[in-house]
Amino acid sequence: MNPKKKKGRKERLEPLSFYGHHPKEVIRASMRVDPEKLRKLEEEEAKQERLARQNVPEPSK
């Protein structure tokens, strides 16, 4: 039982569950980043994307 492996898997599953249709999130999840920092980055990116394409609904895949 490796706690490092489990932690990395959990960090990867969190962003994938929220942004599974975005490869950028997957790449960032693979990198070792604090969950708080990752969430802040994702929130900022999500806001920017929503503002960029307000007319286009986000793909819920």
N, C-alpha and C. Protein backbone atom coordinates (compact mmCIF):
# COMPACT_ATOMS: atom_id res chain seq x y z
N MET A 1 0.85 -1.20 0.00
CA MET A 1 0.00 0.00 0.00
C MET A 1 0.88 1.25 0.00
N ASN A 2 0.90 1.95 -1.10
CA ASN A 2 1.70 3.17 -1.19
C ASN A 2 0.80 4.40 -1.06
N PRO A 3 0.98 5.17 -0.01
CA PRO A 3 0.15 6.38 0.15
C PRO A 3 0.37 7.38 -0.98
N LYS A 4 1.60 7.43 -1.50
CA LYS A 4 1.88 8.37 -2.59
C LYS A 4 1.04 8.01 -3.82
N LYS A 5 1.01 6.71 -4.15
CA LYS A 5 0.26 6.28 -5.32
C LYS A 5 -1.23 6.60 -5.14
N LYS A 6 -1.73 6.29 -3.94
CA LYS A 6 -3.15 6.52 -3.68
C LYS A 6 -3.47 8.02 -3.79
N LYS A 7 -2.61 8.86 -3.23
CA LYS A 7 -2.84 10.31 -3.26
C LYS A 7 -2.86 10.79 -4.71
N GLY A 8 -1.88 10.35 -5.49
CA GLY A 8 -1.82 10.77 -6.88
C GLY A 8 -3.07 10.33 -7.63
N ARG A 9 -3.54 9.12 -7.34
CA ARG A 9 -4.72 8.62 -8.03
C ARG A 9 -5.93 9.47 -7.66
N LYS A 10 -6.04 9.79 -6.36
CA LYS A 10 -7.18 10.59 -5.91
C LYS A 10 -7.15 11.97 -6.57
N GLU A 11 -5.98 12.60 -6.60
CA GLU A 11 -5.87 13.92 -7.21
C GLU A 11 -6.24 13.85 -8.70
N ARG A 12 -5.91 12.74 -9.33
CA ARG A 12 -6.20 12.61 -10.75
C ARG A 12 -7.70 12.38 -10.97
N LEU A 13 -8.32 11.61 -10.05
CA LEU A 13 -9.74 11.30 -10.21
C LEU A 13 -10.60 12.54 -9.96
N GLU A 14 -10.19 13.39 -9.02
CA GLU A 14 -11.01 14.57 -8.70
C GLU A 14 -11.21 15.46 -9.94
N PRO A 15 -10.12 15.93 -10.59
CA PRO A 15 -10.32 16.80 -11.75
C PRO A 15 -10.96 16.07 -12.92
N LEU A 16 -10.67 14.77 -13.07
CA LEU A 16 -11.25 14.02 -14.18
C LEU A 16 -12.76 13.96 -14.03
N SER A 17 -13.23 13.74 -12.77
CA SER A 17 -14.67 13.64 -12.56
C SER A 17 -15.34 14.97 -12.90
N PHE A 18 -14.64 16.09 -12.63
CA PHE A 18 -15.24 17.40 -12.90
C PHE A 18 -15.00 17.83 -14.34
N TYR A 19 -13.75 17.64 -14.81
CA TYR A 19 -13.44 18.04 -16.19
C TYR A 19 -12.85 16.84 -16.94
N GLY A 20 -13.70 15.93 -17.31
CA GLY A 20 -13.22 14.74 -18.02
C GLY A 20 -13.04 15.00 -19.50
N HIS A 21 -13.68 16.06 -20.00
CA HIS A 21 -13.62 16.36 -21.43
C HIS A 21 -12.54 17.39 -21.73
N HIS A 22 -11.69 17.70 -20.73
CA HIS A 22 -10.62 18.67 -20.96
C HIS A 22 -9.26 17.99 -20.76
N PRO A 23 -8.46 17.87 -21.82
CA PRO A 23 -7.13 17.24 -21.68
C PRO A 23 -6.19 18.06 -20.81
N LYS A 24 -6.36 19.38 -20.80
CA LYS A 24 -5.47 20.23 -20.00
C LYS A 24 -5.58 19.85 -18.52
N GLU A 25 -6.82 19.61 -18.07
CA GLU A 25 -7.01 19.25 -16.67
C GLU A 25 -6.30 17.94 -16.37
N VAL A 26 -6.39 16.99 -17.31
CA VAL A 26 -5.74 15.69 -17.08
C VAL A 26 -4.23 15.88 -16.94
N ILE A 27 -3.66 16.68 -17.83
CA ILE A 27 -2.20 16.91 -17.78
C ILE A 27 -1.83 17.57 -16.47
N ARG A 28 -2.61 18.57 -16.04
CA ARG A 28 -2.30 19.25 -14.78
C ARG A 28 -2.47 18.28 -13.62
N ALA A 29 -3.47 17.41 -13.71
CA ALA A 29 -3.70 16.45 -12.61
C ALA A 29 -2.50 15.51 -12.51
N SER A 30 -1.95 15.09 -13.66
CA SER A 30 -0.81 14.17 -13.62
C SER A 30 0.37 14.85 -12.91
N MET A 31 0.51 16.17 -13.10
CA MET A 31 1.59 16.89 -12.43
C MET A 31 1.31 16.96 -10.93
N ARG A 32 2.38 17.02 -10.14
CA ARG A 32 2.20 17.07 -8.68
C ARG A 32 1.94 18.52 -8.25
N VAL A 33 0.67 18.84 -8.04
CA VAL A 33 0.29 20.19 -7.61
C VAL A 33 -0.66 20.08 -6.42
N ASP A 34 -0.60 21.08 -5.54
CA ASP A 34 -1.50 21.07 -4.38
C ASP A 34 -2.95 21.08 -4.84
N PRO A 35 -3.84 20.35 -4.16
CA PRO A 35 -5.25 20.32 -4.56
C PRO A 35 -5.89 21.71 -4.51
N GLU A 36 -5.51 22.51 -3.53
CA GLU A 36 -6.08 23.87 -3.44
C GLU A 36 -5.65 24.70 -4.65
N LYS A 37 -4.37 24.64 -4.99
CA LYS A 37 -3.88 25.40 -6.15
C LYS A 37 -4.56 24.90 -7.42
N LEU A 38 -4.67 23.57 -7.54
CA LEU A 38 -5.30 22.99 -8.73
C LEU A 38 -6.75 23.48 -8.84
N ARG A 39 -7.47 23.44 -7.72
CA ARG A 39 -8.88 23.88 -7.76
C ARG A 39 -8.97 25.35 -8.16
N LYS A 40 -8.08 26.17 -7.61
CA LYS A 40 -8.11 27.60 -7.95
C LYS A 40 -7.85 27.78 -9.46
N LEU A 41 -6.88 27.05 -9.99
CA LEU A 41 -6.57 27.17 -11.41
C LEU A 41 -7.77 26.73 -12.24
N GLU A 42 -8.39 25.61 -11.84
CA GLU A 42 -9.54 25.09 -12.59
C GLU A 42 -10.68 26.10 -12.54
N GLU A 43 -10.93 26.67 -11.37
CA GLU A 43 -12.03 27.65 -11.24
C GLU A 43 -11.77 28.85 -12.15
N GLU A 44 -10.53 29.34 -12.13
CA GLU A 44 -10.21 30.50 -12.98
C GLU A 44 -10.37 30.15 -14.46
N GLU A 45 -9.89 28.96 -14.84
CA GLU A 45 -10.01 28.57 -16.25
C GLU A 45 -11.48 28.40 -16.63
N ALA A 46 -12.25 27.80 -15.73
CA ALA A 46 -13.68 27.59 -16.01
C ALA A 46 -14.38 28.94 -16.21
N LYS A 47 -14.06 29.90 -15.35
CA LYS A 47 -14.68 31.23 -15.48
C LYS A 47 -14.28 31.85 -16.82
N GLN A 48 -13.01 31.75 -17.18
CA GLN A 48 -12.55 32.34 -18.44
C GLN A 48 -13.24 31.67 -19.62
N GLU A 49 -13.35 30.34 -19.55
CA GLU A 49 -14.01 29.62 -20.66
C GLU A 49 -15.47 30.03 -20.76
N ARG A 50 -16.15 30.11 -19.62
CA ARG A 50 -17.58 30.49 -19.64
C ARG A 50 -17.75 31.89 -20.25
N LEU A 51 -16.85 32.81 -19.87
CA LEU A 51 -16.96 34.16 -20.42
C LEU A 51 -16.63 34.15 -21.91
N ALA A 52 -15.68 33.33 -22.31
CA ALA A 52 -15.27 33.27 -23.71
C ALA A 52 -16.41 32.73 -24.58
N ARG A 53 -17.08 31.70 -24.11
CA ARG A 53 -18.18 31.11 -24.89
C ARG A 53 -19.45 31.03 -24.04
N GLN A 54 -20.11 32.17 -23.87
CA GLN A 54 -21.34 32.20 -23.07
C GLN A 54 -22.48 31.56 -23.85
N ASN A 55 -22.50 31.74 -25.16
CA ASN A 55 -23.59 31.19 -25.97
C ASN A 55 -23.47 29.68 -26.11
N VAL A 56 -22.25 29.15 -26.05
CA VAL A 56 -22.06 27.71 -26.24
C VAL A 56 -22.12 27.01 -24.89
N PRO A 57 -23.05 26.06 -24.71
CA PRO A 57 -23.14 25.32 -23.43
C PRO A 57 -21.98 24.36 -23.27
N GLU A 58 -21.54 24.16 -22.01
CA GLU A 58 -20.40 23.26 -21.77
C GLU A 58 -20.80 21.81 -22.04
N PRO A 59 -19.97 21.03 -22.73
CA PRO A 59 -20.30 19.62 -23.01
C PRO A 59 -20.27 18.78 -21.75
N SER A 60 -21.41 18.23 -21.38
CA SER A 60 -21.48 17.41 -20.16
C SER A 60 -21.28 15.95 -20.54
N LYS A 61 -20.04 15.59 -20.83
CA LYS A 61 -19.75 14.21 -21.27
C LYS A 61 -19.00 13.51 -20.17
